[in-house]
Amino acid sequence: MTTPSVSLPSGDALPLVGQGTYKLEGDAVRDPVHAALDAGYDHVDTAEGYMNEDALGDALAASDVAPDDCFLTSKVLPKNLAYESVIQSCEATLDALGTDYLDLYLVHWPNPAISMRETLDAMATLHDRGLVRNVGVSNFSTYQLGVALHISDVPIAVNQIEHHPYLQRPDLVEYCQDNDIVVEAAAPVARGSVLDDDVIVDIAAKHGKTPAQVVLRWAVEKDVVVLPKSSNPEHIRENRDVFDFELDAEDRERIDALDRDQAEYDDRKRDWSRDTFGIAK
């Protein structure tokens, strides 16, 4: 079964559920990706900073899935957002993944030490060269998105953010959707934190589903793309199996009421000393 999808400004279909690969470094990504593809996933998300693009490329090449049948996303590290560095990072990613183009290429984190115009000019060049079909960002605020929308020569198709019942960020989600930017939920189950919540457990029992399936269903009903990461084949299959039931209004209201602005990783602070950002004193 083809995964239900949302439409990007280019007209491309972005599957609502994808296999996340964060912390699946090196060869650890192979078996989970094979399990995902065997379970019918047609969307895989990686990043330059995940240190798994070579192994992921090998896994994709060894699968029975044709490259054009899998929506593939990667991200450029914030320390590599200068014009030439963006181009070089993308070319290296394409080589590692063994593909001629990316369906979606994201700025992984904003970097205020490098001109956003320079970064987005490079993204436009990649788009014009056919190396990137869609351009997006990750971990951008409404302010940063406003700047990006104003200066970008290609549509900002996606903003991948931390989003789950404990961190719902309604103003940011609304801003994205009002501007035809698809929201992707990284850490959609709050890295497991929400799965023991009494409300989630109760709703899961009501529907005969797992807590993870309830949380993922809650997001996709809002047209939010979810990127759950798991290395467990059973959980991988379950994470895609969220389209055969619906939450009712009471379920949605109970989950909406769990919002506590509690981040698992994106506390909106930045440690500028980290090598990721590459900001020298």
Protein backbone atom coordinates (compact mmCIF):
# COMPACT_ATOMS: atom_id res chain seq x y z
CA MET A 1 0.00 0.00 0.00
CA THR A 2 1.31 3.42 -0.95
CA THR A 3 1.70 5.63 2.09
CA PRO A 4 -0.79 8.54 2.18
CA SER A 5 0.98 11.80 1.42
CA VAL A 6 0.86 15.57 1.46
CA SER A 7 1.63 17.70 -1.57
CA LEU A 8 4.69 19.95 -1.77
CA PRO A 9 4.71 23.25 -3.71
CA SER A 10 6.51 21.44 -6.56
CA GLY A 11 3.60 19.00 -6.82
CA ASP A 12 5.70 16.15 -5.43
CA ALA A 13 4.00 13.85 -2.92
CA LEU A 14 5.67 13.63 0.49
CA PRO A 15 4.64 10.43 2.35
CA LEU A 16 3.14 11.17 5.76
CA VAL A 17 5.29 8.54 7.50
CA GLY A 18 9.00 8.13 6.97
CA GLN A 19 11.76 6.08 8.55
CA GLY A 20 13.99 8.27 10.69
CA THR A 21 17.67 7.33 11.00
CA TYR A 22 19.01 9.60 13.75
CA LYS A 23 21.58 7.78 15.94
CA LEU A 24 21.68 4.86 13.53
CA GLU A 25 25.30 5.51 12.67
CA GLY A 26 27.22 3.52 10.11
CA ASP A 27 26.17 -0.08 9.59
CA ALA A 28 23.50 0.23 12.32
CA VAL A 29 21.24 1.82 9.71
CA ARG A 30 21.19 -1.16 7.36
CA ASP A 31 18.82 -3.59 9.07
CA PRO A 32 16.26 -0.94 10.16
CA VAL A 33 16.12 0.49 6.65
CA HIS A 34 15.70 -2.97 5.13
CA ALA A 35 12.92 -3.66 7.65
CA ALA A 36 11.26 -0.35 6.77
CA LEU A 37 11.41 -0.96 3.02
CA ASP A 38 10.11 -4.50 3.51
CA ALA A 39 7.22 -3.03 5.55
CA GLY A 40 6.26 -0.73 2.68
CA TYR A 41 7.94 2.52 3.67
CA ASP A 42 8.61 4.82 0.73
CA HIS A 43 10.22 7.69 2.64
CA VAL A 44 13.62 7.70 4.39
CA ASP A 45 15.15 10.65 6.26
CA THR A 46 18.86 11.07 6.93
CA ALA A 47 21.41 13.87 7.37
CA GLU A 48 25.05 14.66 6.80
CA GLY A 49 25.43 14.81 10.58
CA TYR A 50 23.93 11.36 11.17
CA MET A 51 27.12 9.72 9.88
CA ASN A 52 25.23 6.99 8.04
CA GLU A 53 24.81 8.14 4.44
CA ASP A 54 27.35 5.65 3.00
CA ALA A 55 25.76 2.68 4.78
CA LEU A 56 22.28 3.92 3.91
CA GLY A 57 23.27 4.15 0.27
CA ASP A 58 24.47 0.54 0.40
CA ALA A 59 21.22 -0.53 2.06
CA LEU A 60 19.12 1.20 -0.57
CA ALA A 61 21.20 -0.30 -3.39
CA ALA A 62 20.77 -3.79 -1.93
CA SER A 63 16.99 -3.43 -1.67
CA ASP A 64 14.36 -4.26 -4.26
CA VAL A 65 13.02 -0.70 -4.12
CA ALA A 66 13.75 1.42 -7.18
CA PRO A 67 15.37 4.80 -6.36
CA ASP A 68 12.44 6.69 -7.86
CA ASP A 69 10.03 4.81 -5.56
CA CYS A 70 11.59 6.09 -2.32
CA PHE A 71 11.33 9.71 -1.21
CA LEU A 72 14.82 10.52 0.09
CA THR A 73 15.71 13.44 2.36
CA SER A 74 19.04 14.62 3.71
CA LYS A 75 20.28 17.73 5.53
CA VAL A 76 23.35 19.93 5.41
CA LEU A 77 25.14 20.71 8.68
CA PRO A 78 24.97 24.32 9.89
CA LYS A 79 28.77 24.61 9.81
CA ASN A 80 28.58 23.96 6.04
CA LEU A 81 26.10 26.67 5.08
CA ALA A 82 28.49 28.86 3.08
CA TYR A 83 27.69 28.76 -0.65
CA GLU A 84 30.46 26.43 -1.83
CA SER A 85 30.16 24.24 1.28
CA VAL A 86 26.45 23.64 0.63
CA ILE A 87 27.22 22.55 -2.93
CA GLN A 88 30.07 20.29 -1.81
CA SER A 89 28.03 18.76 1.01
CA CYS A 90 25.15 17.96 -1.32
CA GLU A 91 27.43 16.41 -3.92
CA ALA A 92 29.09 14.29 -1.22
CA THR A 93 25.67 13.19 0.05
CA LEU A 94 24.53 12.20 -3.43
CA ASP A 95 27.71 10.19 -3.94
CA ALA A 96 27.30 8.45 -0.56
CA LEU A 97 23.64 7.63 -1.16
CA GLY A 98 24.25 6.49 -4.73
CA THR A 99 21.57 8.70 -6.22
CA ASP A 100 21.46 11.42 -8.86
CA TYR A 101 19.21 13.72 -6.84
CA LEU A 102 17.55 14.24 -3.48
CA ASP A 103 13.80 14.56 -3.23
CA LEU A 104 14.30 17.01 -0.36
CA TYR A 105 17.37 18.82 0.99
CA LEU A 106 17.16 20.68 4.29
CA VAL A 107 19.21 23.24 6.17
CA HIS A 108 19.62 21.16 9.33
CA TRP A 109 19.91 24.06 11.79
CA PRO A 110 20.05 27.83 11.24
CA ASN A 111 23.49 29.37 11.63
CA PRO A 112 23.46 33.14 12.26
CA ALA A 113 27.19 33.38 11.54
CA ILE A 114 26.56 32.57 7.86
CA SER A 115 24.34 34.60 5.56
CA MET A 116 20.98 32.92 5.01
CA ARG A 117 20.89 34.51 1.55
CA GLU A 118 24.18 32.78 0.69
CA THR A 119 22.84 29.44 1.89
CA LEU A 120 19.55 29.74 0.02
CA ASP A 121 21.33 30.91 -3.15
CA ALA A 122 23.30 27.66 -3.01
CA MET A 123 20.07 25.71 -2.49
CA ALA A 124 18.60 27.42 -5.56
CA THR A 125 21.68 26.45 -7.57
CA LEU A 126 21.29 22.81 -6.51
CA HIS A 127 17.61 22.99 -7.48
CA ASP A 128 18.43 24.54 -10.87
CA ARG A 129 21.02 21.82 -11.52
CA GLY A 130 18.44 19.13 -10.79
CA LEU A 131 20.38 17.78 -7.81
CA VAL A 132 17.60 18.71 -5.38
CA ARG A 133 13.89 18.53 -6.23
CA ASN A 134 12.65 20.36 -3.13
CA VAL A 135 14.32 22.72 -0.66
CA GLY A 136 13.48 23.05 3.01
CA VAL A 137 14.75 23.91 6.45
CA SER A 138 14.84 22.33 9.88
CA ASN A 139 14.55 23.81 13.37
CA PHE A 140 13.59 27.25 12.02
CA SER A 141 11.47 29.67 14.03
CA THR A 142 8.70 31.79 12.55
CA TYR A 143 11.13 34.73 12.40
CA GLN A 144 13.75 32.72 10.53
CA LEU A 145 11.11 31.30 8.20
CA GLY A 146 9.87 34.79 7.41
CA VAL A 147 13.37 35.81 6.33
CA ALA A 148 13.83 32.62 4.31
CA LEU A 149 10.51 33.06 2.50
CA HIS A 150 11.40 36.65 1.66
CA ILE A 151 14.78 35.92 0.07
CA SER A 152 14.57 32.39 -1.34
CA ASP A 153 14.33 31.94 -5.10
CA VAL A 154 12.74 28.51 -4.65
CA PRO A 155 9.81 27.59 -2.39
CA ILE A 156 10.59 26.59 1.19
CA ALA A 157 8.76 23.29 1.06
CA VAL A 158 9.31 21.88 4.57
CA ASN A 159 10.23 22.85 8.11
CA GLN A 160 11.34 19.79 10.10
CA ILE A 161 10.95 20.55 13.81
CA GLU A 162 10.61 18.82 17.14
CA HIS A 163 6.87 18.25 17.45
CA HIS A 164 4.92 15.87 19.69
CA PRO A 165 2.12 16.04 22.31
CA TYR A 166 4.43 17.59 24.91
CA LEU A 167 5.79 20.20 22.45
CA GLN A 168 3.06 21.16 19.99
CA ARG A 169 4.19 24.67 18.96
CA PRO A 170 0.81 25.67 17.51
CA ASP A 171 1.87 29.16 16.39
CA LEU A 172 4.83 27.80 14.42
CA VAL A 173 2.76 24.99 12.88
CA GLU A 174 0.04 27.44 11.88
CA TYR A 175 2.57 29.83 10.35
CA CYS A 176 4.08 27.00 8.30
CA GLN A 177 0.76 25.72 7.04
CA ASP A 178 -0.49 29.23 6.25
CA ASN A 179 2.58 29.63 4.02
CA ASP A 180 2.35 26.24 2.28
CA ILE A 181 5.28 24.86 4.26
CA VAL A 182 4.82 21.23 5.29
CA VAL A 183 5.66 20.48 8.92
CA GLU A 184 7.71 17.37 9.56
CA ALA A 185 7.85 16.05 13.12
CA ALA A 186 11.28 14.97 14.26
CA ALA A 187 11.12 12.96 17.50
CA PRO A 188 7.34 12.53 17.00
CA VAL A 189 7.00 10.36 20.12
CA ALA A 190 9.32 12.64 22.14
CA ARG A 191 12.00 9.96 22.01
CA GLY A 192 9.64 7.72 23.96
CA SER A 193 8.76 10.21 26.70
CA VAL A 194 5.06 10.40 25.82
CA LEU A 195 4.47 6.68 25.46
CA ASP A 196 3.85 6.08 29.17
CA ASP A 197 1.51 9.04 29.54
CA ASP A 198 -1.78 7.87 31.06
CA VAL A 199 -3.84 9.72 28.46
CA ILE A 200 -1.95 8.15 25.55
CA VAL A 201 -2.08 4.68 27.12
CA ASP A 202 -5.83 5.00 27.71
CA ILE A 203 -6.56 6.10 24.14
CA ALA A 204 -4.36 3.31 22.79
CA ALA A 205 -6.32 0.71 24.77
CA LYS A 206 -9.58 2.19 23.51
CA HIS A 207 -8.54 1.72 19.86
CA GLY A 208 -6.56 -1.50 20.28
CA LYS A 209 -3.41 0.26 19.11
CA THR A 210 0.01 0.94 20.60
CA PRO A 211 0.73 4.28 22.30
CA ALA A 212 3.16 5.11 19.49
CA GLN A 213 0.48 4.50 16.86
CA VAL A 214 -1.90 6.85 18.68
CA VAL A 215 0.69 9.63 18.88
CA LEU A 216 1.65 9.23 15.22
CA ARG A 217 -2.02 9.13 14.18
CA TRP A 218 -2.66 12.36 16.12
CA ALA A 219 0.08 14.08 14.11
CA VAL A 220 -0.85 12.81 10.64
CA GLU A 221 -4.47 13.85 11.21
CA LYS A 222 -3.02 17.37 11.43
CA ASP A 223 -1.18 16.85 8.09
CA VAL A 224 2.12 16.70 9.99
CA VAL A 225 4.63 14.28 8.48
CA VAL A 226 6.14 11.96 11.10
CA LEU A 227 9.64 10.50 11.12
CA PRO A 228 9.74 7.86 13.87
CA LYS A 229 13.09 6.15 14.37
CA SER A 230 13.32 2.56 15.51
CA SER A 231 15.67 -0.37 15.05
CA ASN A 232 13.00 -2.89 16.11
CA PRO A 233 11.35 -4.48 13.03
CA GLU A 234 8.00 -4.94 14.82
CA HIS A 235 7.93 -1.31 15.92
CA ILE A 236 8.96 -0.20 12.44
CA ARG A 237 5.96 -2.04 10.97
CA GLU A 238 3.63 -0.68 13.65
CA ASN A 239 4.80 2.90 13.10
CA ARG A 240 3.57 2.82 9.50
CA ASP A 241 0.30 1.09 10.41
CA VAL A 242 -1.58 4.24 11.44
CA PHE A 243 -4.01 4.68 8.58
CA ASP A 244 -6.66 2.10 9.47
CA PHE A 245 -8.20 3.97 12.41
CA GLU A 246 -9.21 7.50 13.38
CA LEU A 247 -9.14 9.44 16.61
CA ASP A 248 -12.41 10.99 17.67
CA ALA A 249 -12.84 14.59 18.81
CA GLU A 250 -12.48 13.68 22.48
CA ASP A 251 -9.23 11.80 21.79
CA ARG A 252 -7.79 14.78 19.96
CA GLU A 253 -8.83 17.21 22.68
CA ARG A 254 -7.23 15.05 25.38
CA ILE A 255 -3.95 14.83 23.47
CA ASP A 256 -3.99 18.54 22.61
CA ALA A 257 -4.31 19.27 26.33
CA LEU A 258 -0.97 17.52 27.00
CA ASP A 259 1.05 20.40 25.55
CA ARG A 260 3.58 21.64 28.11
CA ASP A 261 6.22 23.27 25.86
CA GLN A 262 8.61 20.49 26.90
CA ALA A 263 11.43 19.83 24.46
CA GLU A 264 13.48 16.66 24.24
CA TYR A 265 16.27 18.24 22.19
CA ASP A 266 15.28 21.64 20.81
CA ASP A 267 15.17 23.94 23.82
CA ARG A 268 15.69 26.87 21.39
CA LYS A 269 19.13 27.48 22.91
CA ARG A 270 22.28 26.92 20.91
CA ASP A 271 25.69 25.86 22.15
CA TRP A 272 27.78 27.87 19.72
CA SER A 273 30.98 26.15 20.90
CA ARG A 274 29.87 22.85 19.34
CA ASP A 275 31.69 21.85 16.17
CA THR A 276 28.33 21.35 14.47
CA PHE A 277 27.84 25.08 14.12
CA GLY A 278 31.44 25.86 13.18
CA ILE A 279 31.38 29.34 14.69
CA ALA A 280 34.96 30.36 15.50
CA LYS A 281 35.61 33.09 18.06
